[in-house]
Amino acid sequence: EIVPEESQPVALSFGKPNLGVPELLTRAGE
């Protein structure tokens, strides 16, 4: 209540990082 909101510390979390969507091959070539 006495610390301005813009100065309050915020602990961040991160989503699971990734390298993109791989190509998926089936026996039928789909």
Full PDB file with SEQRES, HELIX, SHEET, SSBOND, CRYST1, ORIGX, SCALE, CONECT and MASTER records, all heavy atoms in Angstrom:
SEQRES   1 A   30  GLU ILE VAL PRO GLU GLU SER GLN PRO VAL ALA LEU SER          
SEQRES   2 A   30  PHE GLY LYS PRO ASN LEU GLY VAL PRO GLU LEU LEU THR          
SEQRES   3 A   30  ARG ALA GLY GLU                                              
HELIX    1 AA1 GLU A    5  SER A    7  5                                   3    
CRYST1    1.000    1.000    1.000  90.00  90.00  90.00 P 1           1          
ORIGX1      1.000000  0.000000  0.000000        0.00000                         
ORIGX2      0.000000  1.000000  0.000000        0.00000                         
ORIGX3      0.000000  0.000000  1.000000        0.00000                         
SCALE1      1.000000  0.000000  0.000000        0.00000                         
SCALE2      0.000000  1.000000  0.000000        0.00000                         
SCALE3      0.000000  0.000000  1.000000        0.00000                         
ATOM      1  N   GLU A   1       0.807  -1.202   0.000  1.00  0.00           N  
ATOM      2  CA  GLU A   1       0.000   0.000   0.000  1.00  0.00           C  
ATOM      3  C   GLU A   1       0.847   1.262   0.000  1.00  0.00           C  
ATOM      4  O   GLU A   1       0.375   2.344  -0.376  1.00  0.00           O  
ATOM      5  CB  GLU A   1      -0.943  -0.009   1.208  1.00  0.00           C  
ATOM      6  CG  GLU A   1      -1.989  -1.118   1.147  1.00  0.00           C  
ATOM      7  CD  GLU A   1      -2.904  -1.085   2.354  1.00  0.00           C  
ATOM      8  OE1 GLU A   1      -2.758  -0.132   3.156  1.00  0.00           O  
ATOM      9  OE2 GLU A   1      -3.747  -1.982   2.492  1.00  0.00           O  
ATOM     10  N   ILE A   2       2.104   1.151   0.469  1.00  0.00           N  
ATOM     11  CA  ILE A   2       2.949   2.346   0.517  1.00  0.00           C  
ATOM     12  C   ILE A   2       3.989   2.361  -0.589  1.00  0.00           C  
ATOM     13  O   ILE A   2       4.588   3.385  -0.855  1.00  0.00           O  
ATOM     14  CB  ILE A   2       3.640   2.465   1.889  1.00  0.00           C  
ATOM     15  CG1 ILE A   2       4.581   1.289   2.121  1.00  0.00           C  
ATOM     16  CG2 ILE A   2       2.638   2.600   2.990  1.00  0.00           C  
ATOM     17  CD1 ILE A   2       5.448   1.460   3.349  1.00  0.00           C  
ATOM     18  N   VAL A   3       4.221   1.196  -1.259  1.00  0.00           N  
ATOM     19  CA  VAL A   3       5.143   1.142  -2.391  1.00  0.00           C  
ATOM     20  C   VAL A   3       4.329   1.285  -3.669  1.00  0.00           C  
ATOM     21  O   VAL A   3       3.386   0.525  -3.891  1.00  0.00           O  
ATOM     22  CB  VAL A   3       5.929  -0.179  -2.420  1.00  0.00           C  
ATOM     23  CG1 VAL A   3       6.830  -0.227  -3.647  1.00  0.00           C  
ATOM     24  CG2 VAL A   3       6.732  -0.352  -1.152  1.00  0.00           C  
ATOM     25  N   PRO A   4       4.622   2.255  -4.533  1.00  0.00           N  
ATOM     26  CA  PRO A   4       3.864   2.419  -5.771  1.00  0.00           C  
ATOM     27  C   PRO A   4       3.859   1.123  -6.578  1.00  0.00           C  
ATOM     28  O   PRO A   4       4.846   0.392  -6.624  1.00  0.00           O  
ATOM     29  CB  PRO A   4       4.623   3.533  -6.504  1.00  0.00           C  
ATOM     30  CG  PRO A   4       5.359   4.266  -5.431  1.00  0.00           C  
ATOM     31  CD  PRO A   4       5.693   3.252  -4.390  1.00  0.00           C  
ATOM     32  N   GLU A   5       2.734   0.856  -7.225  1.00  0.00           N  
ATOM     33  CA  GLU A   5       2.589  -0.405  -7.956  1.00  0.00           C  
ATOM     34  C   GLU A   5       3.674  -0.576  -9.001  1.00  0.00           C  
ATOM     35  O   GLU A   5       4.190  -1.675  -9.210  1.00  0.00           O  
ATOM     36  CB  GLU A   5       1.216  -0.466  -8.622  1.00  0.00           C  
ATOM     37  CG  GLU A   5       0.965  -1.780  -9.354  1.00  0.00           C  
ATOM     38  CD  GLU A   5      -0.438  -1.879  -9.916  1.00  0.00           C  
ATOM     39  OE1 GLU A   5      -1.295  -1.081  -9.520  1.00  0.00           O  
ATOM     40  OE2 GLU A   5      -0.653  -2.766 -10.759  1.00  0.00           O  
ATOM     41  N   GLU A   6       4.050   0.522  -9.658  1.00  0.00           N  
ATOM     42  CA  GLU A   6       5.060   0.395 -10.711  1.00  0.00           C  
ATOM     43  C   GLU A   6       6.440   0.046 -10.177  1.00  0.00           C  
ATOM     44  O   GLU A   6       7.341  -0.308 -10.940  1.00  0.00           O  
ATOM     45  CB  GLU A   6       5.133   1.684 -11.531  1.00  0.00           C  
ATOM     46  CG  GLU A   6       5.553   2.917 -10.755  1.00  0.00           C  
ATOM     47  CD  GLU A   6       4.379   3.644 -10.134  1.00  0.00           C  
ATOM     48  OE1 GLU A   6       3.272   3.054 -10.067  1.00  0.00           O  
ATOM     49  OE2 GLU A   6       4.558   4.800  -9.705  1.00  0.00           O  
ATOM     50  N   SER A   7       6.630   0.158  -8.855  1.00  0.00           N  
ATOM     51  CA  SER A   7       7.931  -0.164  -8.265  1.00  0.00           C  
ATOM     52  C   SER A   7       7.940  -1.497  -7.536  1.00  0.00           C  
ATOM     53  O   SER A   7       8.981  -1.911  -7.033  1.00  0.00           O  
ATOM     54  CB  SER A   7       8.340   0.952  -7.286  1.00  0.00           C  
ATOM     55  OG  SER A   7       8.446   2.198  -7.945  1.00  0.00           O  
ATOM     56  N   GLN A   8       6.813  -2.166  -7.486  1.00  0.00           N  
ATOM     57  CA  GLN A   8       6.748  -3.430  -6.759  1.00  0.00           C  
ATOM     58  C   GLN A   8       7.442  -4.533  -7.558  1.00  0.00           C  
ATOM     59  O   GLN A   8       7.305  -4.604  -8.781  1.00  0.00           O  
ATOM     60  CB  GLN A   8       5.293  -3.806  -6.501  1.00  0.00           C  
ATOM     61  CG  GLN A   8       4.577  -2.862  -5.556  1.00  0.00           C  
ATOM     62  CD  GLN A   8       3.100  -3.186  -5.435  1.00  0.00           C  
ATOM     63  OE1 GLN A   8       2.663  -4.254  -5.850  1.00  0.00           O  
ATOM     64  NE2 GLN A   8       2.343  -2.252  -4.866  1.00  0.00           N  
ATOM     65  N   PRO A   9       8.204  -5.415  -6.895  1.00  0.00           N  
ATOM     66  CA  PRO A   9       8.886  -6.495  -7.606  1.00  0.00           C  
ATOM     67  C   PRO A   9       7.906  -7.550  -8.093  1.00  0.00           C  
ATOM     68  O   PRO A   9       6.924  -7.870  -7.419  1.00  0.00           O  
ATOM     69  CB  PRO A   9       9.834  -7.067  -6.546  1.00  0.00           C  
ATOM     70  CG  PRO A   9       9.186  -6.731  -5.248  1.00  0.00           C  
ATOM     71  CD  PRO A   9       8.495  -5.424  -5.453  1.00  0.00           C  
ATOM     72  N   VAL A  10       8.179  -8.086  -9.285  1.00  0.00           N  
ATOM     73  CA  VAL A  10       7.346  -9.130  -9.884  1.00  0.00           C  
ATOM     74  C   VAL A  10       8.254 -10.291 -10.277  1.00  0.00           C  
ATOM     75  O   VAL A  10       9.189 -10.111 -11.070  1.00  0.00           O  
ATOM     76  CB  VAL A  10       6.587  -8.609 -11.118  1.00  0.00           C  
ATOM     77  CG1 VAL A  10       5.745  -9.728 -11.729  1.00  0.00           C  
ATOM     78  CG2 VAL A  10       5.721  -7.426 -10.762  1.00  0.00           C  
ATOM     79  N   ALA A  11       7.998 -11.461  -9.720  1.00  0.00           N  
ATOM     80  CA  ALA A  11       8.756 -12.663 -10.068  1.00  0.00           C  
ATOM     81  C   ALA A  11       8.124 -13.304 -11.300  1.00  0.00           C  
ATOM     82  O   ALA A  11       6.948 -13.679 -11.288  1.00  0.00           O  
ATOM     83  CB  ALA A  11       8.758 -13.643  -8.897  1.00  0.00           C  
ATOM     84  N   LEU A  12       8.887 -13.415 -12.369  1.00  0.00           N  
ATOM     85  CA  LEU A  12       8.366 -13.910 -13.640  1.00  0.00           C  
ATOM     86  C   LEU A  12       8.465 -15.426 -13.738  1.00  0.00           C  
ATOM     87  O   LEU A  12       9.327 -16.059 -13.130  1.00  0.00           O  
ATOM     88  CB  LEU A  12       9.134 -13.290 -14.803  1.00  0.00           C  
ATOM     89  CG  LEU A  12       9.071 -11.769 -14.944  1.00  0.00           C  
ATOM     90  CD1 LEU A  12       9.916 -11.326 -16.132  1.00  0.00           C  
ATOM     91  CD2 LEU A  12       7.638 -11.301 -15.107  1.00  0.00           C  
ATOM     92  N   SER A  13       7.583 -15.997 -14.528  1.00  0.00           N  
ATOM     93  CA  SER A  13       7.688 -17.399 -14.921  1.00  0.00           C  
ATOM     94  C   SER A  13       7.623 -17.458 -16.439  1.00  0.00           C  
ATOM     95  O   SER A  13       7.072 -16.563 -17.088  1.00  0.00           O  
ATOM     96  CB  SER A  13       6.563 -18.239 -14.303  1.00  0.00           C  
ATOM     97  OG  SER A  13       5.292 -17.803 -14.769  1.00  0.00           O  
ATOM     98  N   PHE A  14       8.186 -18.510 -17.003  1.00  0.00           N  
ATOM     99  CA  PHE A  14       8.274 -18.629 -18.459  1.00  0.00           C  
ATOM    100  C   PHE A  14       7.614 -19.918 -18.924  1.00  0.00           C  
ATOM    101  O   PHE A  14       7.753 -20.967 -18.291  1.00  0.00           O  
ATOM    102  CB  PHE A  14       9.732 -18.590 -18.917  1.00  0.00           C  
ATOM    103  CG  PHE A  14      10.386 -17.253 -18.718  1.00  0.00           C  
ATOM    104  CD1 PHE A  14      11.005 -16.938 -17.523  1.00  0.00           C  
ATOM    105  CD2 PHE A  14      10.352 -16.304 -19.724  1.00  0.00           C  
ATOM    106  CE1 PHE A  14      11.589 -15.698 -17.329  1.00  0.00           C  
ATOM    107  CE2 PHE A  14      10.938 -15.061 -19.545  1.00  0.00           C  
ATOM    108  CZ  PHE A  14      11.553 -14.760 -18.349  1.00  0.00           C  
ATOM    109  N   GLY A  15       6.904 -19.815 -20.039  1.00  0.00           N  
ATOM    110  CA  GLY A  15       6.353 -21.015 -20.648  1.00  0.00           C  
ATOM    111  C   GLY A  15       7.462 -21.887 -21.199  1.00  0.00           C  
ATOM    112  O   GLY A  15       8.611 -21.467 -21.327  1.00  0.00           O  
ATOM    113  N   LYS A  16       7.131 -23.129 -21.509  1.00  0.00           N  
ATOM    114  CA  LYS A  16       8.137 -24.053 -22.024  1.00  0.00           C  
ATOM    115  C   LYS A  16       8.638 -23.565 -23.381  1.00  0.00           C  
ATOM    116  O   LYS A  16       7.862 -23.446 -24.333  1.00  0.00           O  
ATOM    117  CB  LYS A  16       7.554 -25.455 -22.156  1.00  0.00           C  
ATOM    118  CG  LYS A  16       7.161 -26.090 -20.834  1.00  0.00           C  
ATOM    119  CD  LYS A  16       6.584 -27.483 -21.035  1.00  0.00           C  
ATOM    120  CE  LYS A  16       6.182 -28.106 -19.698  1.00  0.00           C  
ATOM    121  NZ  LYS A  16       5.604 -29.463 -19.868  1.00  0.00           N  
ATOM    122  N   PRO A  17       9.931 -23.272 -23.500  1.00  0.00           N  
ATOM    123  CA  PRO A  17      10.457 -22.817 -24.792  1.00  0.00           C  
ATOM    124  C   PRO A  17      10.489 -23.964 -25.789  1.00  0.00           C  
ATOM    125  O   PRO A  17      10.571 -25.144 -25.406  1.00  0.00           O  
ATOM    126  CB  PRO A  17      11.865 -22.339 -24.446  1.00  0.00           C  
ATOM    127  CG  PRO A  17      12.242 -23.142 -23.243  1.00  0.00           C  
ATOM    128  CD  PRO A  17      10.977 -23.366 -22.464  1.00  0.00           C  
ATOM    129  N   ASN A  18      10.420 -23.631 -27.070  1.00  0.00           N  
ATOM    130  CA  ASN A  18      10.418 -24.701 -28.072  1.00  0.00           C  
ATOM    131  C   ASN A  18      11.148 -24.272 -29.335  1.00  0.00           C  
ATOM    132  O   ASN A  18      11.459 -23.094 -29.537  1.00  0.00           O  
ATOM    133  CB  ASN A  18       8.990 -25.136 -28.398  1.00  0.00           C  
ATOM    134  CG  ASN A  18       8.208 -24.081 -29.158  1.00  0.00           C  
ATOM    135  OD1 ASN A  18       8.346 -23.940 -30.368  1.00  0.00           O  
ATOM    136  ND2 ASN A  18       7.381 -23.316 -28.439  1.00  0.00           N  
ATOM    137  N   LEU A  19      11.400 -25.271 -30.188  1.00  0.00           N  
ATOM    138  CA  LEU A  19      12.117 -25.078 -31.445  1.00  0.00           C  
ATOM    139  C   LEU A  19      11.198 -25.145 -32.652  1.00  0.00           C  
ATOM    140  O   LEU A  19      11.650 -25.329 -33.777  1.00  0.00           O  
ATOM    141  CB  LEU A  19      13.215 -26.137 -31.571  1.00  0.00           C  
ATOM    142  CG  LEU A  19      14.412 -25.934 -30.651  1.00  0.00           C  
ATOM    143  CD1 LEU A  19      15.179 -27.234 -30.459  1.00  0.00           C  
ATOM    144  CD2 LEU A  19      15.328 -24.857 -31.188  1.00  0.00           C  
ATOM    145  N   GLY A  20       9.918 -25.026 -32.417  1.00  0.00           N  
ATOM    146  CA  GLY A  20       8.971 -25.070 -33.515  1.00  0.00           C  
ATOM    147  C   GLY A  20       8.355 -26.438 -33.683  1.00  0.00           C  
ATOM    148  O   GLY A  20       8.685 -27.409 -32.988  1.00  0.00           O  
ATOM    149  N   VAL A  21       7.463 -26.541 -34.636  1.00  0.00           N  
ATOM    150  CA  VAL A  21       6.723 -27.780 -34.878  1.00  0.00           C  
ATOM    151  C   VAL A  21       7.475 -28.624 -35.897  1.00  0.00           C  
ATOM    152  O   VAL A  21       7.763 -28.161 -37.003  1.00  0.00           O  
ATOM    153  CB  VAL A  21       5.301 -27.466 -35.384  1.00  0.00           C  
ATOM    154  CG1 VAL A  21       4.560 -28.759 -35.711  1.00  0.00           C  
ATOM    155  CG2 VAL A  21       4.540 -26.655 -34.346  1.00  0.00           C  
ATOM    156  N   PRO A  22       7.826 -29.865 -35.547  1.00  0.00           N  
ATOM    157  CA  PRO A  22       8.547 -30.718 -36.499  1.00  0.00           C  
ATOM    158  C   PRO A  22       7.621 -31.269 -37.566  1.00  0.00           C  
ATOM    159  O   PRO A  22       6.394 -31.248 -37.429  1.00  0.00           O  
ATOM    160  CB  PRO A  22       9.086 -31.842 -35.608  1.00  0.00           C  
ATOM    161  CG  PRO A  22       8.064 -31.956 -34.523  1.00  0.00           C  
ATOM    162  CD  PRO A  22       7.577 -30.542 -34.273  1.00  0.00           C  
ATOM    163  N   GLU A  23       8.227 -31.753 -38.627  1.00  0.00           N  
ATOM    164  CA  GLU A  23       7.454 -32.433 -39.661  1.00  0.00           C  
ATOM    165  C   GLU A  23       7.157 -33.850 -39.195  1.00  0.00           C  
ATOM    166  O   GLU A  23       8.009 -34.523 -38.630  1.00  0.00           O  
ATOM    167  CB  GLU A  23       8.248 -32.472 -40.970  1.00  0.00           C  
ATOM    168  CG  GLU A  23       7.504 -33.140 -42.115  1.00  0.00           C  
ATOM    169  CD  GLU A  23       8.329 -33.183 -43.389  1.00  0.00           C  
ATOM    170  OE1 GLU A  23       9.467 -32.701 -43.369  1.00  0.00           O  
ATOM    171  OE2 GLU A  23       7.829 -33.717 -44.394  1.00  0.00           O  
ATOM    172  N   LEU A  24       5.940 -34.308 -39.413  1.00  0.00           N  
ATOM    173  CA  LEU A  24       5.543 -35.656 -39.017  1.00  0.00           C  
ATOM    174  C   LEU A  24       5.265 -36.470 -40.265  1.00  0.00           C  
ATOM    175  O   LEU A  24       4.477 -36.067 -41.126  1.00  0.00           O  
ATOM    176  CB  LEU A  24       4.310 -35.618 -38.110  1.00  0.00           C  
ATOM    177  CG  LEU A  24       3.896 -36.952 -37.478  1.00  0.00           C  
ATOM    178  CD1 LEU A  24       3.259 -36.721 -36.116  1.00  0.00           C  
ATOM    179  CD2 LEU A  24       2.932 -37.728 -38.364  1.00  0.00           C  
ATOM    180  N   LEU A  25       5.934 -37.616 -40.380  1.00  0.00           N  
ATOM    181  CA  LEU A  25       5.754 -38.498 -41.530  1.00  0.00           C  
ATOM    182  C   LEU A  25       5.079 -39.786 -41.084  1.00  0.00           C  
ATOM    183  O   LEU A  25       5.422 -40.359 -40.053  1.00  0.00           O  
ATOM    184  CB  LEU A  25       7.104 -38.827 -42.170  1.00  0.00           C  
ATOM    185  CG  LEU A  25       7.916 -37.632 -42.698  1.00  0.00           C  
ATOM    186  CD1 LEU A  25       9.228 -38.116 -43.275  1.00  0.00           C  
ATOM    187  CD2 LEU A  25       7.132 -36.855 -43.729  1.00  0.00           C  
ATOM    188  N   THR A  26       4.112 -40.247 -41.873  1.00  0.00           N  
ATOM    189  CA  THR A  26       3.444 -41.513 -41.604  1.00  0.00           C  
ATOM    190  C   THR A  26       3.823 -42.505 -42.691  1.00  0.00           C  
ATOM    191  O   THR A  26       4.412 -42.153 -43.719  1.00  0.00           O  
ATOM    192  CB  THR A  26       1.921 -41.337 -41.586  1.00  0.00           C  
ATOM    193  OG1 THR A  26       1.477 -41.032 -42.915  1.00  0.00           O  
ATOM    194  CG2 THR A  26       1.519 -40.193 -40.655  1.00  0.00           C  
ATOM    195  N   ARG A  27       3.481 -43.760 -42.447  1.00  0.00           N  
ATOM    196  CA  ARG A  27       3.772 -44.784 -43.458  1.00  0.00           C  
ATOM    197  C   ARG A  27       3.043 -44.475 -44.763  1.00  0.00           C  
ATOM    198  O   ARG A  27       3.504 -44.817 -45.840  1.00  0.00           O  
ATOM    199  CB  ARG A  27       3.360 -46.159 -42.938  1.00  0.00           C  
ATOM    200  CG  ARG A  27       4.207 -46.661 -41.773  1.00  0.00           C  
ATOM    201  CD  ARG A  27       3.790 -48.077 -41.396  1.00  0.00           C  
ATOM    202  NE  ARG A  27       4.421 -48.530 -40.171  1.00  0.00           N  
ATOM    203  CZ  ARG A  27       5.624 -49.095 -40.109  1.00  0.00           C  
ATOM    204  NH1 ARG A  27       6.318 -49.248 -41.216  1.00  0.00           N  
ATOM    205  NH2 ARG A  27       6.128 -49.487 -38.959  1.00  0.00           N  
ATOM    206  N   ALA A  28       1.895 -43.848 -44.656  1.00  0.00           N  
ATOM    207  CA  ALA A  28       1.124 -43.522 -45.845  1.00  0.00           C  
ATOM    208  C   ALA A  28       1.624 -42.255 -46.525  1.00  0.00           C  
ATOM    209  O   ALA A  28       1.099 -41.833 -47.542  1.00  0.00           O  
ATOM    210  CB  ALA A  28      -0.350 -43.361 -45.477  1.00  0.00           C  
ATOM    211  N   GLY A  29       2.662 -41.639 -45.952  1.00  0.00           N  
ATOM    212  CA  GLY A  29       3.210 -40.435 -46.543  1.00  0.00           C  
ATOM    213  C   GLY A  29       2.450 -39.183 -46.196  1.00  0.00           C  
ATOM    214  O   GLY A  29       2.687 -38.120 -46.772  1.00  0.00           O  
ATOM    215  N   GLU A  30       1.508 -39.295 -45.248  1.00  0.00           N  
ATOM    216  CA  GLU A  30       0.739 -38.133 -44.857  1.00  0.00           C  
ATOM    217  C   GLU A  30       1.567 -37.233 -43.947  1.00  0.00           C  
ATOM    218  O   GLU A  30       2.487 -37.667 -43.283  1.00  0.00           O  
ATOM    219  CB  GLU A  30      -0.535 -38.568 -44.134  1.00  0.00           C  
ATOM    220  CG  GLU A  30      -1.443 -39.445 -44.997  1.00  0.00           C  
ATOM    221  CD  GLU A  30      -2.592 -40.014 -44.191  1.00  0.00           C  
ATOM    222  OE1 GLU A  30      -2.589 -39.840 -42.958  1.00  0.00           O  
ATOM    223  OE2 GLU A  30      -3.480 -40.633 -44.798  1.00  0.00           O  
TER     224      GLU A  30                                                      
MASTER        0    0    0    1    0    0    0    6  223    1    0    3          
END                                                                             
